[in-house]
Amino acid sequence: MIGFYHVYKQYVKESYAIYDINLSIEKGEFYFLTGASGAGKTTLLKLIYKEELPTKGQILIDSVNINLIPRKKLYKLRRKIGIVFQDFKLLYNRTVYENIAIPLVVRGYRKSYIDKMVKNSLSLVGLNHRKNYITSHISGGEQQRVAIARAIAGNPIIIIADEPTGNLDTELSIEILKIFEKINNNGITVLIATHDNNLIRMFSKKTIELKQGKLISSPTKEKQQWIY
């Protein structure tokens, strides 16, 4: 599902944000991605949806080498991946419904289908009663739920989230993680970057740990089959 094979990412000469990452995440798995600030978590996520390009190495998503996907075909990759950004990236002058629907409108889906997908997504995150609210008028925890609903509305096979509980208190963080568990229970692969070790211990999922761009801990670290 997600494979990194000797992946490096270099922004500055003689300094690597990601260094020789070998990683395999199978379909339907739930992983936490952890490490101190600056460890390379956000860079690794950006490499998955090709916001950044690796300096060296191969990345496979759903058995496709994404290094070989031309820019004009990039939308095909990104339709497979739902992204929950750290700063939500919502349109705060639009309604909850519109925030979730706009990506589907851009894809050209019929309104009846869009209505169905928005309703299903809002039901999963428990926000159908906020559908017509302006997004700036709801709480931070609810805004995070809208961001999650938008990420799942297009039926992705992978959900990645960058510090989705970073600005929430413990109680709300637990609620958000339970939503990701529900998403994962539907067969969607989930990868969440977080520095919150308490949440990681509480939810007992598989964990990938980075330190200064290097993989120092992963359940699959010792059993990779590399390609070159």
C-alpha atoms as a PDB file:
ATOM      1  CA  MET A   1       0.000   0.000   0.000  1.00  0.00           C
ATOM      2  CA  ILE A   2       2.744   2.472   1.047  1.00  0.00           C
ATOM      3  CA  GLY A   3       6.360   1.553   0.395  1.00  0.00           C
ATOM      4  CA  PHE A   4       9.530   3.594   0.883  1.00  0.00           C
ATOM      5  CA  TYR A   5      12.702   2.106  -0.570  1.00  0.00           C
ATOM      6  CA  HIS A   6      15.983   3.810   0.354  1.00  0.00           C
ATOM      7  CA  VAL A   7      14.341   7.240   0.278  1.00  0.00           C
ATOM      8  CA  TYR A   8      16.342  10.398   0.920  1.00  0.00           C
ATOM      9  CA  LYS A   9      15.171  14.010   0.964  1.00  0.00           C
ATOM     10  CA  GLN A  10      17.736  16.771   0.953  1.00  0.00           C
ATOM     11  CA  TYR A  11      16.843  20.473   1.122  1.00  0.00           C
ATOM     12  CA  VAL A  12      20.294  21.804   1.995  1.00  0.00           C
ATOM     13  CA  LYS A  13      23.649  20.463   0.858  1.00  0.00           C
ATOM     14  CA  GLU A  14      25.111  17.952   3.342  1.00  0.00           C
ATOM     15  CA  SER A  15      21.888  17.950   5.395  1.00  0.00           C
ATOM     16  CA  TYR A  16      19.057  15.442   5.005  1.00  0.00           C
ATOM     17  CA  ALA A  17      15.461  15.901   6.156  1.00  0.00           C
ATOM     18  CA  ILE A  18      14.868  12.201   5.379  1.00  0.00           C
ATOM     19  CA  TYR A  19      17.750   9.725   5.306  1.00  0.00           C
ATOM     20  CA  ASP A  20      17.588   6.212   3.825  1.00  0.00           C
ATOM     21  CA  ILE A  21      13.994   5.431   4.823  1.00  0.00           C
ATOM     22  CA  ASN A  22      12.814   1.870   4.191  1.00  0.00           C
ATOM     23  CA  LEU A  23       9.213   1.352   5.168  1.00  0.00           C
ATOM     24  CA  SER A  24       6.186  -0.797   4.308  1.00  0.00           C
ATOM     25  CA  ILE A  25       2.592  -0.120   5.390  1.00  0.00           C
ATOM     26  CA  GLU A  26       0.004  -2.662   4.276  1.00  0.00           C
ATOM     27  CA  LYS A  27      -3.586  -2.045   3.241  1.00  0.00           C
ATOM     28  CA  GLY A  28      -5.916  -1.419   6.175  1.00  0.00           C
ATOM     29  CA  GLU A  29      -3.195  -0.810   8.758  1.00  0.00           C
ATOM     30  CA  PHE A  30      -3.178   2.027  11.313  1.00  0.00           C
ATOM     31  CA  TYR A  31       0.182   3.624  12.084  1.00  0.00           C
ATOM     32  CA  PHE A  32       1.370   6.489  14.225  1.00  0.00           C
ATOM     33  CA  LEU A  33       4.352   8.439  12.893  1.00  0.00           C
ATOM     34  CA  THR A  34       6.255   9.978  15.771  1.00  0.00           C
ATOM     35  CA  GLY A  35       9.448  11.827  16.601  1.00  0.00           C
ATOM     36  CA  ALA A  36      10.591  15.162  17.973  1.00  0.00           C
ATOM     37  CA  SER A  37       9.952  18.422  16.166  1.00  0.00           C
ATOM     38  CA  GLY A  38      12.173  18.508  13.095  1.00  0.00           C
ATOM     39  CA  ALA A  39      12.509  14.718  12.949  1.00  0.00           C
ATOM     40  CA  GLY A  40      11.110  14.599   9.406  1.00  0.00           C
ATOM     41  CA  LYS A  41       7.478  13.611  10.016  1.00  0.00           C
ATOM     42  CA  THR A  42       5.883  16.297   7.845  1.00  0.00           C
ATOM     43  CA  THR A  43       8.433  15.763   5.084  1.00  0.00           C
ATOM     44  CA  LEU A  44       7.667  12.043   5.020  1.00  0.00           C
ATOM     45  CA  LEU A  45       3.937  12.759   4.711  1.00  0.00           C
ATOM     46  CA  LYS A  46       4.519  15.270   1.911  1.00  0.00           C
ATOM     47  CA  LEU A  47       6.531  12.678   0.009  1.00  0.00           C
ATOM     48  CA  ILE A  48       3.538  10.313   0.119  1.00  0.00           C
ATOM     49  CA  TYR A  49       1.215  12.689  -1.720  1.00  0.00           C
ATOM     50  CA  LYS A  50       4.033  14.120  -3.848  1.00  0.00           C
ATOM     51  CA  GLU A  51       4.006  17.603  -2.398  1.00  0.00           C
ATOM     52  CA  GLU A  52       7.752  17.004  -2.163  1.00  0.00           C
ATOM     53  CA  LEU A  53       9.944  14.868  -4.419  1.00  0.00           C
ATOM     54  CA  PRO A  54      12.576  12.501  -3.012  1.00  0.00           C
ATOM     55  CA  THR A  55      16.195  13.351  -3.668  1.00  0.00           C
ATOM     56  CA  LYS A  56      16.852   9.645  -4.075  1.00  0.00           C
ATOM     57  CA  GLY A  57      14.908   6.397  -3.706  1.00  0.00           C
ATOM     58  CA  GLN A  58      11.515   5.015  -4.685  1.00  0.00           C
ATOM     59  CA  ILE A  59       8.047   5.479  -3.199  1.00  0.00           C
ATOM     60  CA  LEU A  60       5.215   3.111  -4.099  1.00  0.00           C
ATOM     61  CA  ILE A  61       1.571   3.906  -3.376  1.00  0.00           C
ATOM     62  CA  ASP A  62      -0.941   1.181  -4.185  1.00  0.00           C
ATOM     63  CA  SER A  63       1.787  -0.613  -6.199  1.00  0.00           C
ATOM     64  CA  VAL A  64       2.503   2.469  -8.332  1.00  0.00           C
ATOM     65  CA  ASN A  65       5.933   4.124  -8.331  1.00  0.00           C
ATOM     66  CA  ILE A  66       4.849   7.712  -7.763  1.00  0.00           C
ATOM     67  CA  ASN A  67       8.238   9.055  -8.880  1.00  0.00           C
ATOM     68  CA  LEU A  68       7.111   8.178 -12.410  1.00  0.00           C
ATOM     69  CA  ILE A  69       3.722   9.944 -12.268  1.00  0.00           C
ATOM     70  CA  PRO A  70       3.798  13.091 -14.444  1.00  0.00           C
ATOM     71  CA  ARG A  71       2.409  16.296 -12.955  1.00  0.00           C
ATOM     72  CA  LYS A  72      -0.635  16.265 -15.249  1.00  0.00           C
ATOM     73  CA  LYS A  73      -1.601  12.824 -13.860  1.00  0.00           C
ATOM     74  CA  LEU A  74      -0.906  13.710 -10.221  1.00  0.00           C
ATOM     75  CA  TYR A  75      -4.616  14.104  -9.492  1.00  0.00           C
ATOM     76  CA  LYS A  76      -5.018  10.332  -9.878  1.00  0.00           C
ATOM     77  CA  LEU A  77      -2.642   9.754  -6.968  1.00  0.00           C
ATOM     78  CA  ARG A  78      -4.181  12.424  -4.764  1.00  0.00           C
ATOM     79  CA  ARG A  79      -7.683  11.073  -5.270  1.00  0.00           C
ATOM     80  CA  LYS A  80      -6.493   7.938  -3.480  1.00  0.00           C
ATOM     81  CA  ILE A  81      -5.258   9.910  -0.483  1.00  0.00           C
ATOM     82  CA  GLY A  82      -7.278  11.907   2.030  1.00  0.00           C
ATOM     83  CA  ILE A  83      -5.169  14.541   3.783  1.00  0.00           C
ATOM     84  CA  VAL A  84      -5.869  16.161   7.153  1.00  0.00           C
ATOM     85  CA  PHE A  85      -3.564  19.161   7.496  1.00  0.00           C
ATOM     86  CA  GLN A  86      -2.221  20.497  10.769  1.00  0.00           C
ATOM     87  CA  ASP A  87      -3.836  23.902  10.160  1.00  0.00           C
ATOM     88  CA  PHE A  88      -7.074  22.394   8.723  1.00  0.00           C
ATOM     89  CA  LYS A  89      -6.971  24.513   5.495  1.00  0.00           C
ATOM     90  CA  LEU A  90     -10.706  25.175   5.626  1.00  0.00           C
ATOM     91  CA  LEU A  91     -12.626  27.960   3.882  1.00  0.00           C
ATOM     92  CA  TYR A  92     -13.838  29.822   6.947  1.00  0.00           C
ATOM     93  CA  ASN A  93     -16.359  32.009   5.112  1.00  0.00           C
ATOM     94  CA  ARG A  94     -18.101  28.937   3.645  1.00  0.00           C
ATOM     95  CA  THR A  95     -20.455  26.457   5.276  1.00  0.00           C
ATOM     96  CA  VAL A  96     -19.440  23.079   6.624  1.00  0.00           C
ATOM     97  CA  TYR A  97     -21.297  21.475   3.702  1.00  0.00           C
ATOM     98  CA  GLU A  98     -19.461  23.610   1.141  1.00  0.00           C
ATOM     99  CA  ASN A  99     -16.038  22.837   2.623  1.00  0.00           C
ATOM    100  CA  ILE A 100     -16.629  19.129   2.173  1.00  0.00           C
ATOM    101  CA  ALA A 101     -18.442  19.389  -1.149  1.00  0.00           C
ATOM    102  CA  ILE A 102     -16.066  21.679  -3.070  1.00  0.00           C
ATOM    103  CA  PRO A 103     -13.404  19.006  -3.829  1.00  0.00           C
ATOM    104  CA  LEU A 104     -16.168  16.723  -5.117  1.00  0.00           C
ATOM    105  CA  VAL A 105     -17.636  19.514  -7.259  1.00  0.00           C
ATOM    106  CA  VAL A 106     -14.191  20.054  -8.791  1.00  0.00           C
ATOM    107  CA  ARG A 107     -14.098  16.365  -9.724  1.00  0.00           C
ATOM    108  CA  GLY A 108     -17.366  16.770 -11.603  1.00  0.00           C
ATOM    109  CA  TYR A 109     -19.646  14.537  -9.534  1.00  0.00           C
ATOM    110  CA  ARG A 110     -23.439  14.901  -9.689  1.00  0.00           C
ATOM    111  CA  LYS A 111     -25.101  16.886  -6.912  1.00  0.00           C
ATOM    112  CA  SER A 112     -27.049  13.859  -5.713  1.00  0.00           C
ATOM    113  CA  TYR A 113     -23.796  11.930  -5.256  1.00  0.00           C
ATOM    114  CA  ILE A 114     -22.122  14.883  -3.551  1.00  0.00           C
ATOM    115  CA  ASP A 115     -25.051  15.260  -1.151  1.00  0.00           C
ATOM    116  CA  LYS A 116     -24.792  11.565  -0.282  1.00  0.00           C
ATOM    117  CA  MET A 117     -21.034  11.636   0.294  1.00  0.00           C
ATOM    118  CA  VAL A 118     -21.182  14.806   2.397  1.00  0.00           C
ATOM    119  CA  LYS A 119     -23.967  13.337   4.523  1.00  0.00           C
ATOM    120  CA  ASN A 120     -22.082  10.067   5.022  1.00  0.00           C
ATOM    121  CA  SER A 121     -18.878  11.878   5.951  1.00  0.00           C
ATOM    122  CA  LEU A 122     -20.616  14.192   8.397  1.00  0.00           C
ATOM    123  CA  SER A 123     -22.412  11.234   9.978  1.00  0.00           C
ATOM    124  CA  LEU A 124     -19.106   9.476  10.570  1.00  0.00           C
ATOM    125  CA  VAL A 125     -17.623  12.500  12.368  1.00  0.00           C
ATOM    126  CA  GLY A 126     -20.882  13.341  14.162  1.00  0.00           C
ATOM    127  CA  LEU A 127     -21.504  16.745  12.567  1.00  0.00           C
ATOM    128  CA  ASN A 128     -24.658  16.473  10.442  1.00  0.00           C
ATOM    129  CA  HIS A 129     -26.314  19.006  12.735  1.00  0.00           C
ATOM    130  CA  ARG A 130     -23.637  21.581  11.761  1.00  0.00           C
ATOM    131  CA  LYS A 131     -23.968  21.108   7.995  1.00  0.00           C
ATOM    132  CA  ASN A 132     -25.215  24.640   7.274  1.00  0.00           C
ATOM    133  CA  TYR A 133     -23.045  26.483   9.806  1.00  0.00           C
ATOM    134  CA  ILE A 134     -20.367  28.901   8.607  1.00  0.00           C
ATOM    135  CA  THR A 135     -17.108  27.150   9.438  1.00  0.00           C
ATOM    136  CA  SER A 136     -15.704  30.099  11.409  1.00  0.00           C
ATOM    137  CA  HIS A 137     -18.707  29.832  13.754  1.00  0.00           C
ATOM    138  CA  ILE A 138     -17.945  26.345  15.041  1.00  0.00           C
ATOM    139  CA  SER A 139     -15.362  25.227  17.610  1.00  0.00           C
ATOM    140  CA  GLY A 140     -11.789  24.166  16.905  1.00  0.00           C
ATOM    141  CA  GLY A 141     -12.638  20.542  17.610  1.00  0.00           C
ATOM    142  CA  GLU A 142     -15.563  20.726  15.195  1.00  0.00           C
ATOM    143  CA  GLN A 143     -13.371  22.361  12.558  1.00  0.00           C
ATOM    144  CA  GLN A 144     -10.982  19.431  12.862  1.00  0.00           C
ATOM    145  CA  ARG A 145     -13.908  17.061  12.314  1.00  0.00           C
ATOM    146  CA  VAL A 146     -14.868  19.000   9.178  1.00  0.00           C
ATOM    147  CA  ALA A 147     -11.307  18.594   7.907  1.00  0.00           C
ATOM    148  CA  ILE A 148     -11.538  14.846   8.510  1.00  0.00           C
ATOM    149  CA  ALA A 149     -14.960  14.645   6.827  1.00  0.00           C
ATOM    150  CA  ARG A 150     -13.548  16.466   3.777  1.00  0.00           C
ATOM    151  CA  ALA A 151     -10.624  14.017   3.651  1.00  0.00           C
ATOM    152  CA  ILE A 152     -12.861  10.942   3.594  1.00  0.00           C
ATOM    153  CA  ALA A 153     -15.656  12.275   1.359  1.00  0.00           C
ATOM    154  CA  GLY A 154     -13.876  11.227  -1.837  1.00  0.00           C
ATOM    155  CA  ASN A 155     -13.549   7.561  -0.796  1.00  0.00           C
ATOM    156  CA  PRO A 156      -9.740   7.486  -0.437  1.00  0.00           C
ATOM    157  CA  ILE A 157      -7.824   4.292   0.232  1.00  0.00           C
ATOM    158  CA  ILE A 158      -5.334   6.113   2.491  1.00  0.00           C
ATOM    159  CA  ILE A 159      -5.821   8.823   5.118  1.00  0.00           C
ATOM    160  CA  ILE A 160      -2.794  10.746   6.336  1.00  0.00           C
ATOM    161  CA  ALA A 161      -2.954  13.365   9.086  1.00  0.00           C
ATOM    162  CA  ASP A 162      -0.294  15.778  10.302  1.00  0.00           C
ATOM    163  CA  GLU A 163      -0.635  16.456  14.057  1.00  0.00           C
ATOM    164  CA  PRO A 164      -4.466  16.384  13.924  1.00  0.00           C
ATOM    165  CA  THR A 165      -4.746  16.761  17.714  1.00  0.00           C
ATOM    166  CA  GLY A 166      -1.920  19.280  18.172  1.00  0.00           C
ATOM    167  CA  ASN A 167      -4.231  22.168  19.089  1.00  0.00           C
ATOM    168  CA  LEU A 168      -6.828  20.166  21.047  1.00  0.00           C
ATOM    169  CA  ASP A 169      -7.149  19.220  24.683  1.00  0.00           C
ATOM    170  CA  THR A 170      -6.854  15.612  25.818  1.00  0.00           C
ATOM    171  CA  GLU A 171     -10.585  14.830  25.779  1.00  0.00           C
ATOM    172  CA  LEU A 172     -11.073  16.189  22.254  1.00  0.00           C
ATOM    173  CA  SER A 173      -7.886  14.471  21.095  1.00  0.00           C
ATOM    174  CA  ILE A 174      -9.251  11.114  22.226  1.00  0.00           C
ATOM    175  CA  GLU A 175     -12.516  11.783  20.359  1.00  0.00           C
ATOM    176  CA  ILE A 176     -10.605  12.637  17.177  1.00  0.00           C
ATOM    177  CA  LEU A 177      -8.478   9.483  17.413  1.00  0.00           C
ATOM    178  CA  LYS A 178     -11.638   7.397  17.863  1.00  0.00           C
ATOM    179  CA  ILE A 179     -12.935   8.879  14.604  1.00  0.00           C
ATOM    180  CA  PHE A 180      -9.740   7.778  12.856  1.00  0.00           C
ATOM    181  CA  GLU A 181     -10.269   4.307  14.319  1.00  0.00           C
ATOM    182  CA  LYS A 182     -13.754   4.223  12.796  1.00  0.00           C
ATOM    183  CA  ILE A 183     -12.288   5.227   9.449  1.00  0.00           C
ATOM    184  CA  ASN A 184      -9.673   2.493   9.741  1.00  0.00           C
ATOM    185  CA  ASN A 185     -12.371  -0.051  10.617  1.00  0.00           C
ATOM    186  CA  ASN A 186     -13.843   0.642   7.157  1.00  0.00           C
ATOM    187  CA  GLY A 187     -10.645  -0.741   5.597  1.00  0.00           C
ATOM    188  CA  ILE A 188      -8.872   2.569   4.991  1.00  0.00           C
ATOM    189  CA  THR A 189      -5.137   2.747   5.720  1.00  0.00           C
ATOM    190  CA  VAL A 190      -4.429   5.439   8.334  1.00  0.00           C
ATOM    191  CA  LEU A 191      -1.113   7.178   9.040  1.00  0.00           C
ATOM    192  CA  ILE A 192      -1.085   9.882  11.717  1.00  0.00           C
ATOM    193  CA  ALA A 193       1.903  12.053  12.597  1.00  0.00           C
ATOM    194  CA  THR A 194       1.921  13.026  16.278  1.00  0.00           C
ATOM    195  CA  HIS A 195       4.349  13.877  19.042  1.00  0.00           C
ATOM    196  CA  ASP A 196       1.782  13.006  21.754  1.00  0.00           C
ATOM    197  CA  ASN A 197       3.202   9.887  23.385  1.00  0.00           C
ATOM    198  CA  ASN A 198       0.250   9.637  25.761  1.00  0.00           C
ATOM    199  CA  LEU A 199      -2.140   9.171  22.847  1.00  0.00           C
ATOM    200  CA  ILE A 200       0.199   6.674  21.225  1.00  0.00           C
ATOM    201  CA  ARG A 201       0.250   4.590  24.424  1.00  0.00           C
ATOM    202  CA  MET A 202      -3.502   4.926  24.892  1.00  0.00           C
ATOM    203  CA  PHE A 203      -4.421   3.655  21.420  1.00  0.00           C
ATOM    204  CA  SER A 204      -1.752   0.935  21.087  1.00  0.00           C
ATOM    205  CA  LYS A 205      -1.276   1.144  17.318  1.00  0.00           C
ATOM    206  CA  LYS A 206       1.809   0.315  15.287  1.00  0.00           C
ATOM    207  CA  THR A 207       4.386   3.098  15.471  1.00  0.00           C
ATOM    208  CA  ILE A 208       7.037   4.487  13.153  1.00  0.00           C
ATOM    209  CA  GLU A 209       9.616   6.640  14.922  1.00  0.00           C
ATOM    210  CA  LEU A 210      11.932   9.124  13.236  1.00  0.00           C
ATOM    211  CA  LYS A 211      14.982  10.853  14.686  1.00  0.00           C
ATOM    212  CA  GLN A 212      16.829  13.498  12.688  1.00  0.00           C
ATOM    213  CA  GLY A 213      15.328  12.121   9.489  1.00  0.00           C
ATOM    214  CA  LYS A 214      16.262   8.505  10.174  1.00  0.00           C
ATOM    215  CA  LEU A 215      13.943   5.601  10.888  1.00  0.00           C
ATOM    216  CA  ILE A 216      14.836   4.305  14.350  1.00  0.00           C
ATOM    217  CA  SER A 217      11.762   2.194  15.089  1.00  0.00           C
ATOM    218  CA  SER A 218       9.145   0.413  12.974  1.00  0.00           C
ATOM    219  CA  PRO A 219       7.396  -3.003  13.148  1.00  0.00           C
ATOM    220  CA  THR A 220       8.496  -3.684   9.573  1.00  0.00           C
ATOM    221  CA  LYS A 221      12.046  -2.382   9.849  1.00  0.00           C
ATOM    222  CA  GLU A 222      13.669  -5.802  10.015  1.00  0.00           C
ATOM    223  CA  LYS A 223      11.563  -7.629   7.437  1.00  0.00           C
ATOM    224  CA  GLN A 224      11.652  -5.385   4.372  1.00  0.00           C
ATOM    225  CA  GLN A 225      12.235  -6.818   0.920  1.00  0.00           C
ATOM    226  CA  TRP A 226      14.016  -4.027  -0.895  1.00  0.00           C
ATOM    227  CA  ILE A 227      13.868  -3.107  -4.531  1.00  0.00           C
ATOM    228  CA  TYR A 228      16.568  -1.131  -6.316  1.00  0.00           C
END
